[in-house]
Protein backbone atom coordinates (compact mmCIF):
# COMPACT_ATOMS: atom_id res chain seq x y z
CA UNK A 1 38.72 29.77 -190.81
CA UNK A 2 40.71 27.30 -188.74
CA UNK A 3 43.06 28.93 -186.25
CA UNK A 4 46.53 27.96 -185.17
CA UNK A 5 48.47 29.67 -182.41
CA UNK A 6 52.23 29.33 -182.11
CA UNK A 7 52.70 30.36 -178.52
CA UNK A 8 55.40 30.79 -175.94
CA UNK A 9 52.81 30.00 -173.29
CA UNK A 10 52.99 26.53 -171.82
CA UNK A 11 49.40 25.43 -172.02
CA UNK A 12 49.90 22.64 -169.51
CA UNK A 13 50.62 25.24 -166.83
CA UNK A 14 47.22 26.86 -167.16
CA UNK A 15 45.41 23.60 -167.32
CA UNK A 16 47.21 22.44 -164.22
CA UNK A 17 46.83 25.50 -162.04
CA UNK A 18 43.79 27.28 -163.35
CA UNK A 19 41.10 25.33 -161.52
CA UNK A 20 40.83 22.83 -158.71
CA UNK A 21 40.54 19.16 -159.56
CA UNK A 22 36.98 17.92 -159.36
CA UNK A 23 35.57 14.54 -158.51
CA UNK A 24 33.34 14.52 -161.59
CA UNK A 25 36.24 13.55 -163.87
CA UNK A 26 36.34 9.92 -164.99
CA UNK A 27 39.07 8.33 -167.09
CA UNK A 28 38.31 5.14 -168.98
CA UNK A 29 40.80 2.27 -168.87
CA UNK A 30 43.67 2.89 -171.27
CA UNK A 31 43.25 1.41 -174.74
CA UNK A 32 45.49 0.56 -177.69
CA UNK A 33 45.43 2.11 -181.12
CA UNK A 34 46.18 0.11 -184.23
CA UNK A 35 49.66 1.64 -184.40
CA UNK A 36 50.52 0.42 -180.90
CA UNK A 37 49.98 3.82 -179.29
CA UNK A 38 48.30 3.76 -175.88
CA UNK A 39 45.40 6.19 -175.46
CA UNK A 40 43.35 7.59 -172.59
CA UNK A 41 39.98 9.34 -172.59
CA UNK A 42 38.61 11.24 -169.58
CA UNK A 43 35.10 12.68 -169.43
CA UNK A 44 33.41 15.25 -167.19
CA UNK A 45 30.09 14.52 -165.57
CA UNK A 46 27.40 14.37 -168.27
CA UNK A 47 25.69 17.50 -166.96
CA UNK A 48 28.99 19.42 -167.12
CA UNK A 49 30.10 18.32 -170.59
CA UNK A 50 30.20 21.22 -173.06
CA UNK A 51 30.48 18.92 -176.07
CA UNK A 52 34.06 19.91 -176.90
CA UNK A 53 37.24 17.82 -176.83
CA UNK A 54 40.78 18.89 -175.94
CA UNK A 55 43.53 16.54 -177.08
CA UNK A 56 46.91 16.78 -175.35
CA UNK A 57 50.01 16.05 -177.46
CA UNK A 58 52.84 15.28 -175.06
CA UNK A 59 56.49 16.19 -175.35
CA UNK A 60 59.59 14.27 -176.37
CA UNK A 61 60.52 10.98 -174.73
CA UNK A 62 64.02 9.56 -175.13
CA UNK A 63 64.60 6.90 -177.77
CA UNK A 64 64.61 3.44 -176.26
CA UNK A 65 62.27 4.29 -173.41
CA UNK A 66 59.08 2.19 -173.25
CA UNK A 67 56.04 3.32 -175.20
CA UNK A 68 53.79 4.76 -172.49
CA UNK A 69 51.74 7.85 -171.73
CA UNK A 70 54.20 10.17 -169.91
CA UNK A 71 52.42 10.58 -166.59
CA UNK A 72 54.89 13.23 -165.43
CA UNK A 73 53.61 15.51 -168.20
CA UNK A 74 49.99 15.17 -167.07
CA UNK A 75 50.29 16.39 -163.49
CA UNK A 76 51.93 19.41 -161.91
CA UNK A 77 51.18 18.14 -158.40
CA UNK A 78 49.09 15.30 -157.06
CA UNK A 79 46.18 17.75 -156.92
CA UNK A 80 46.45 19.47 -160.30
CA UNK A 81 46.30 17.17 -163.31
CA UNK A 82 45.30 17.86 -166.90
CA UNK A 83 42.36 15.44 -167.12
CA UNK A 84 40.59 16.63 -163.97
CA UNK A 85 41.22 20.32 -164.58
CA UNK A 86 40.04 20.22 -168.18
CA UNK A 87 37.06 18.10 -167.23
CA UNK A 88 36.36 20.65 -164.49
CA UNK A 89 36.09 23.31 -167.19
CA UNK A 90 33.59 21.12 -169.05
CA UNK A 91 35.88 19.73 -171.76
CA UNK A 92 36.45 16.10 -172.63
CA UNK A 93 40.13 15.15 -172.49
CA UNK A 94 42.13 12.67 -174.53
CA UNK A 95 45.81 11.88 -174.89
CA UNK A 96 48.08 9.08 -176.05
CA UNK A 97 51.65 7.80 -176.02
CA UNK A 98 52.39 7.83 -179.78
CA UNK A 99 53.49 4.57 -181.36
CA UNK A 100 57.21 5.16 -180.75
CA UNK A 101 59.57 7.09 -178.50
CA UNK A 102 62.44 9.23 -179.71
CA UNK A 103 61.67 11.46 -182.67
CA UNK A 104 58.00 10.79 -183.35
CA UNK A 105 56.63 13.85 -185.13
CA UNK A 106 54.88 12.11 -188.00
CA UNK A 107 53.88 9.10 -185.92
CA UNK A 108 52.52 11.39 -183.22
CA UNK A 109 50.52 13.41 -185.72
CA UNK A 110 48.93 10.28 -187.18
CA UNK A 111 48.21 8.85 -183.74
CA UNK A 112 46.57 12.09 -182.56
CA UNK A 113 44.35 12.19 -185.64
CA UNK A 114 43.39 8.56 -185.06
CA UNK A 115 42.63 9.32 -181.40
CA UNK A 116 39.98 11.84 -182.46
CA UNK A 117 38.38 9.11 -184.58
CA UNK A 118 38.37 6.73 -181.61
CA UNK A 119 36.82 9.37 -179.38
CA UNK A 120 34.02 10.03 -181.88
CA UNK A 121 33.29 6.30 -182.14
CA UNK A 122 33.20 5.70 -178.40
CA UNK A 123 31.86 8.98 -176.97
CA UNK A 124 30.07 10.62 -179.87
CA UNK A 125 31.15 13.31 -182.30
CA UNK A 126 32.42 16.39 -180.42
CA UNK A 127 31.22 19.79 -181.55
CA UNK A 128 34.79 21.13 -181.52
CA UNK A 129 38.22 19.54 -181.23
CA UNK A 130 41.19 21.53 -179.91
CA UNK A 131 44.73 20.22 -180.07
CA UNK A 132 47.21 21.43 -177.45
CA UNK A 133 50.83 20.32 -177.39
CA UNK A 134 54.14 21.18 -175.76
CA UNK A 135 57.72 20.50 -176.83
CA UNK A 136 57.57 17.73 -179.47
CA UNK A 137 53.82 17.91 -179.01
CA UNK A 138 54.06 21.51 -180.20
CA UNK A 139 55.37 20.56 -183.62
CA UNK A 140 52.86 17.69 -183.79
CA UNK A 141 50.11 20.21 -183.06
CA UNK A 142 51.40 22.52 -185.78
CA UNK A 143 51.45 19.82 -188.45
CA UNK A 144 48.10 18.33 -187.46
CA UNK A 145 46.23 21.63 -187.38
CA UNK A 146 47.79 22.79 -190.64
CA UNK A 147 47.05 19.54 -192.46
CA UNK A 148 43.67 18.58 -190.93
CA UNK A 149 41.61 21.74 -190.99
CA UNK A 150 38.56 19.52 -191.32
CA UNK A 151 39.25 17.97 -187.92
CA UNK A 152 40.68 20.60 -185.58
CA UNK A 153 38.96 23.89 -184.77
CA UNK A 154 42.19 25.40 -183.43
CA UNK A 155 45.50 24.44 -181.91
CA UNK A 156 47.93 25.74 -179.32
CA UNK A 157 51.61 24.85 -179.84
CA UNK A 158 53.81 25.62 -176.85
CA UNK A 159 57.62 25.50 -176.82
CA UNK A 160 57.86 23.18 -179.82
CA UNK A 161 60.74 23.15 -182.35
CA UNK A 162 58.61 24.94 -184.92
CA UNK A 163 60.59 28.18 -185.18
CA UNK A 164 63.43 26.65 -187.18
CA UNK A 165 64.02 22.93 -187.21
CA UNK A 166 67.45 23.43 -188.85
CA UNK A 167 68.51 25.53 -185.84
CA UNK A 168 67.30 22.77 -183.52
CA UNK A 169 69.33 20.14 -185.35
CA UNK A 170 72.36 22.42 -185.61
CA UNK A 171 72.22 23.24 -181.91
CA UNK A 172 72.51 19.59 -180.92
CA UNK A 173 75.10 18.80 -183.59
CA UNK A 174 77.28 21.85 -182.99
CA UNK A 175 77.30 21.21 -179.25
CA UNK A 176 78.44 17.62 -179.76
CA UNK A 177 81.10 18.53 -182.34
CA UNK A 178 82.61 21.29 -180.24
CA UNK A 179 82.39 19.24 -177.04
CA UNK A 180 84.63 16.64 -178.67
CA UNK A 181 87.20 19.34 -179.45
CA UNK A 182 87.34 20.71 -175.90
CA UNK A 183 86.91 17.37 -174.09
CA UNK A 184 88.28 14.79 -176.55
CA UNK A 185 87.45 11.17 -175.82
CA UNK A 186 85.47 11.89 -172.66
CA UNK A 187 82.42 10.49 -174.43
CA UNK A 188 83.66 7.32 -176.14
CA UNK A 189 82.96 6.33 -179.74
CA UNK A 190 81.85 8.21 -182.82
CA UNK A 191 80.32 11.55 -181.74
CA UNK A 192 77.61 11.29 -184.39
CA UNK A 193 76.95 7.56 -184.29
CA UNK A 194 77.16 6.60 -180.61
CA UNK A 195 77.27 2.97 -179.61
CA UNK A 196 73.96 1.57 -178.40
CA UNK A 197 75.68 0.29 -175.29
CA UNK A 198 76.55 3.86 -174.35
CA UNK A 199 73.05 5.18 -174.95
CA UNK A 200 71.63 2.48 -172.68
CA UNK A 201 73.74 3.64 -169.72
CA UNK A 202 73.99 7.32 -170.63
CA UNK A 203 72.31 8.77 -167.55
CA UNK A 204 74.71 7.05 -165.16
CA UNK A 205 77.71 7.62 -167.42
CA UNK A 206 77.01 11.32 -167.66
CA UNK A 207 76.43 11.73 -163.92
CA UNK A 208 79.44 9.69 -162.82
CA UNK A 209 81.98 10.40 -165.57
CA UNK A 210 81.19 13.31 -167.86
CA UNK A 211 79.72 15.94 -165.54
CA UNK A 212 82.40 15.73 -162.81
CA UNK A 213 85.19 16.30 -165.35
CA UNK A 214 83.46 19.02 -167.35
CA UNK A 215 82.57 20.99 -164.23
CA UNK A 216 85.71 20.50 -162.17
CA UNK A 217 87.32 23.84 -161.36
CA UNK A 218 90.52 23.13 -163.29
CA UNK A 219 88.46 22.78 -166.49
CA UNK A 220 86.47 25.98 -166.03
CA UNK A 221 88.25 27.75 -168.89
CA UNK A 222 87.54 24.85 -171.26
CA UNK A 223 83.92 24.83 -170.15
CA UNK A 224 83.56 28.56 -170.80
CA UNK A 225 84.99 28.17 -174.29
CA UNK A 226 82.62 25.31 -175.05
CA UNK A 227 79.64 27.32 -173.81
CA UNK A 228 80.56 30.14 -176.19
CA UNK A 229 81.37 27.93 -179.18
CA UNK A 230 78.25 25.78 -178.78
CA UNK A 231 76.08 28.79 -177.90
CA UNK A 232 74.65 27.05 -174.85
CA UNK A 233 71.90 29.11 -173.21
CA UNK A 234 72.41 30.25 -169.63
CA UNK A 235 71.24 32.77 -167.08
CA UNK A 236 74.06 35.23 -166.40
CA UNK A 237 72.84 35.65 -162.82
CA UNK A 238 73.12 31.89 -162.21
CA UNK A 239 75.80 30.87 -164.68
CA UNK A 240 77.10 27.49 -163.51
CA UNK A 241 73.77 26.03 -162.44
CA UNK A 242 72.08 26.97 -165.70
CA UNK A 243 75.03 25.79 -167.79
CA UNK A 244 74.71 22.44 -165.99
CA UNK A 245 71.12 22.23 -167.20
CA UNK A 246 72.02 23.15 -170.77
CA UNK A 247 75.01 20.80 -170.90
CA UNK A 248 73.05 17.87 -169.50
CA UNK A 249 70.16 18.36 -171.89
CA UNK A 250 72.11 19.00 -175.09
CA UNK A 251 74.41 16.02 -174.58
CA UNK A 252 71.50 13.75 -173.71
CA UNK A 253 69.75 14.62 -176.96
CA UNK A 254 72.99 14.35 -178.91
CA UNK A 255 73.98 10.96 -177.51
CA UNK A 256 70.76 9.14 -176.68
CA UNK A 257 68.60 10.30 -179.57
CA UNK A 258 70.82 10.97 -182.61
CA UNK A 259 70.65 7.42 -183.99
CA UNK A 260 66.87 7.34 -183.69
CA UNK A 261 66.56 10.77 -185.33
CA UNK A 262 68.64 9.67 -188.32
CA UNK A 263 66.64 6.45 -188.68
CA UNK A 264 63.30 8.23 -188.34
CA UNK A 265 64.18 10.99 -190.80
CA UNK A 266 65.66 8.53 -193.29
CA UNK A 267 69.19 9.90 -193.08
CA UNK A 268 71.63 11.91 -190.98
CA UNK A 269 70.27 15.50 -190.76
CA UNK A 270 73.25 17.49 -189.40
CA UNK A 271 75.84 19.21 -191.60
CA UNK A 272 78.67 21.41 -190.30
CA UNK A 273 81.06 21.22 -193.26
CA UNK A 274 80.83 24.96 -193.90
CA UNK A 275 80.32 26.07 -190.29
CA UNK A 276 82.77 28.56 -188.76
CA UNK A 277 82.84 28.20 -184.98
CA UNK A 278 83.78 31.08 -182.70
CA UNK A 279 84.24 31.62 -178.98
CA UNK A 280 87.47 29.71 -178.29
CA UNK A 281 90.93 31.05 -177.47
CA UNK A 282 92.02 30.09 -180.98
CA UNK A 283 89.14 29.83 -183.44
CA UNK A 284 91.47 28.90 -186.29
CA UNK A 285 92.62 25.76 -184.48
CA UNK A 286 89.06 25.00 -183.41
CA UNK A 287 87.84 25.09 -186.99
CA UNK A 288 90.80 23.08 -188.29
CA UNK A 289 90.41 20.24 -185.82
CA UNK A 290 86.68 20.13 -185.04
CA UNK A 291 85.02 17.06 -186.52
CA UNK A 292 83.08 17.74 -189.71
CA UNK A 293 80.15 15.73 -190.98
CA UNK A 294 77.76 16.04 -193.90
CA UNK A 295 74.01 15.56 -193.92
CA UNK A 296 72.30 12.94 -196.01
CA UNK A 297 69.73 14.70 -198.18
CA UNK A 298 66.92 12.33 -197.26
CA UNK A 299 67.42 13.21 -193.60
CA UNK A 300 67.21 16.97 -194.06
CA UNK A 301 63.70 17.17 -195.53
CA UNK A 302 62.16 18.28 -192.23
CA UNK A 303 64.59 21.16 -191.75
CA UNK A 304 62.58 23.88 -193.45
CA UNK A 305 62.06 27.36 -192.04
CA UNK A 306 59.24 28.78 -189.94
CA UNK A 307 59.13 31.79 -187.65
CA UNK A 308 61.45 31.72 -184.64
CA UNK A 309 59.62 31.83 -181.27
CA UNK A 310 60.49 34.02 -178.30
CA UNK A 311 63.53 32.85 -176.35
CA UNK A 312 63.68 32.21 -172.60
CA UNK A 313 66.08 30.08 -170.58
CA UNK A 314 65.08 26.46 -170.02
CA UNK A 315 62.67 24.45 -172.05
CA UNK A 316 58.95 25.20 -171.66
CA UNK A 317 59.52 27.82 -168.99
CA UNK A 318 56.39 29.99 -168.86
CA UNK A 319 54.42 31.96 -166.32
CA UNK A 320 50.91 31.00 -165.26
CA UNK A 321 49.32 34.16 -166.64
CA UNK A 322 50.95 33.57 -170.04
CA UNK A 323 49.65 30.03 -170.03
CA UNK A 324 46.11 30.95 -169.06
CA UNK A 325 45.94 33.69 -171.66
CA UNK A 326 47.27 31.41 -174.42
CA UNK A 327 44.57 28.81 -173.85
CA UNK A 328 41.82 31.37 -173.32
CA UNK A 329 42.66 33.45 -176.39
CA UNK A 330 42.64 30.34 -178.58
CA UNK A 331 39.03 29.75 -177.55
CA UNK A 332 38.20 33.45 -177.78
CA UNK A 333 39.52 33.77 -181.32
CA UNK A 334 37.55 30.68 -182.26
CA UNK A 335 34.44 32.55 -181.04
CA UNK A 336 33.50 30.03 -178.35
CA UNK A 337 34.69 31.91 -175.23
CA UNK A 338 32.67 34.89 -174.06
CA UNK A 339 34.22 35.68 -170.68
CA UNK A 340 36.77 34.44 -168.16
CA UNK A 341 35.87 34.79 -164.49
CA UNK A 342 37.33 33.63 -161.20
CA UNK A 343 40.88 34.49 -162.24
CA UNK A 344 41.73 35.61 -158.71
CA UNK A 345 41.39 31.99 -157.60
CA UNK A 346 44.14 30.92 -159.99
CA UNK A 347 46.63 33.78 -160.34
CA UNK A 348 48.70 36.03 -158.10
CA UNK A 349 48.15 39.78 -158.12
CA UNK A 350 51.04 40.38 -160.51
CA UNK A 351 49.84 37.58 -162.77
CA UNK A 352 46.31 38.97 -162.71
CA UNK A 353 47.58 42.35 -163.88
CA UNK A 354 49.61 40.78 -166.70
CA UNK A 355 46.71 38.57 -167.77
CA UNK A 356 44.27 41.46 -167.81
CA UNK A 357 46.63 43.62 -169.89
CA UNK A 358 46.76 40.91 -172.54
CA UNK A 359 43.02 40.33 -172.34
CA UNK A 360 42.26 44.03 -172.82
CA UNK A 361 44.50 44.11 -175.88
CA UNK A 362 42.33 41.53 -177.65
CA UNK A 363 38.98 42.51 -176.14
CA UNK A 364 38.51 39.42 -173.95
CA UNK A 365 36.17 40.16 -171.00
CA UNK A 366 37.64 39.19 -167.62
CA UNK A 367 36.28 39.21 -164.06
CA UNK A 368 38.42 38.42 -161.06
CA UNK A 369 35.46 37.44 -158.90
CA UNK A 370 34.39 33.82 -158.59
CA UNK A 371 35.12 30.82 -156.39
CA UNK A 372 36.98 29.06 -159.18
CA UNK A 373 38.11 29.72 -162.70
CA UNK A 374 35.22 29.64 -165.14
CA UNK A 375 35.05 29.92 -168.91
CA UNK A 376 31.68 31.31 -170.02
CA UNK A 377 31.08 29.93 -173.49
CA UNK A 378 29.20 31.77 -176.22
CA UNK A 379 25.79 30.41 -177.20
């Protein structure tokens, strides 16, 4: 049976910190897929290769940005990078850019499937293929593993919008609609169909115009009402700093990427005609004057329900022990991992304890001893 794991563990964290980079990792020159996606394949030394392939599905890139492999998602530091760490564990590594930026779920899924074909043609058929993705790569992983059980042995989806895509769409749309009520005209143009000229300069416009006004002390009460009405996530122990993060991110998605999302989905997906907003000083006035918009049916097809993942402030915010366990248990449940050793070289004492508690719960053998992290595979 093919296995899929919807996880709150950011798999890139474990791959980045679990083992030292090794010199026996070699990446081929980047190539182009028929769709226009750029791909990269990295191999361990022949003697170290375990015959298995891990494909990395990267996260969201803003609409309008160049099609390119997001290098910042491959490396945690200059020393710890996905290709070298995975190759150090004996796995082949492959990734790509997808054929478009912005919302690219279906394109990304097709490009990832095609990448496996390219790998088999150029490097030989792998014995197992594992798909690991974060953020948008998480939903790509989910779709690909569900639909191509013939291709993928298992998948690990981290922090992707797979819990409830309608809630994801509504979060962005509700934040933009209520922002316009509390800060009218601060962002020029139609809130749900922003001008392309604005999206092109959004980063500077937000930094120089929007953020200073929203966060000036005289507008604190308006800000607090917007946070409540839009249900922006924050850390109560660090309120303003975390609200800054949430405000920046939700408005960037809502302004820069809404046109691309509507075009990609085949219609506008957000509908707040029956929504009742709360959290303001006068919710009746808020609901009378907030802008209402209806979804186009063809754009709402992707907004079906799945289980809602565990919540934690900030996107893809996971601990190293969670990450290591998520990747290890995927292999363990697929009956290819027999033991994990050398965990003391990768985790702190507290993380070791947490990892071992999870490992005991599923029966995964663990040894702290070892110069580096090692996955002992089953025969």
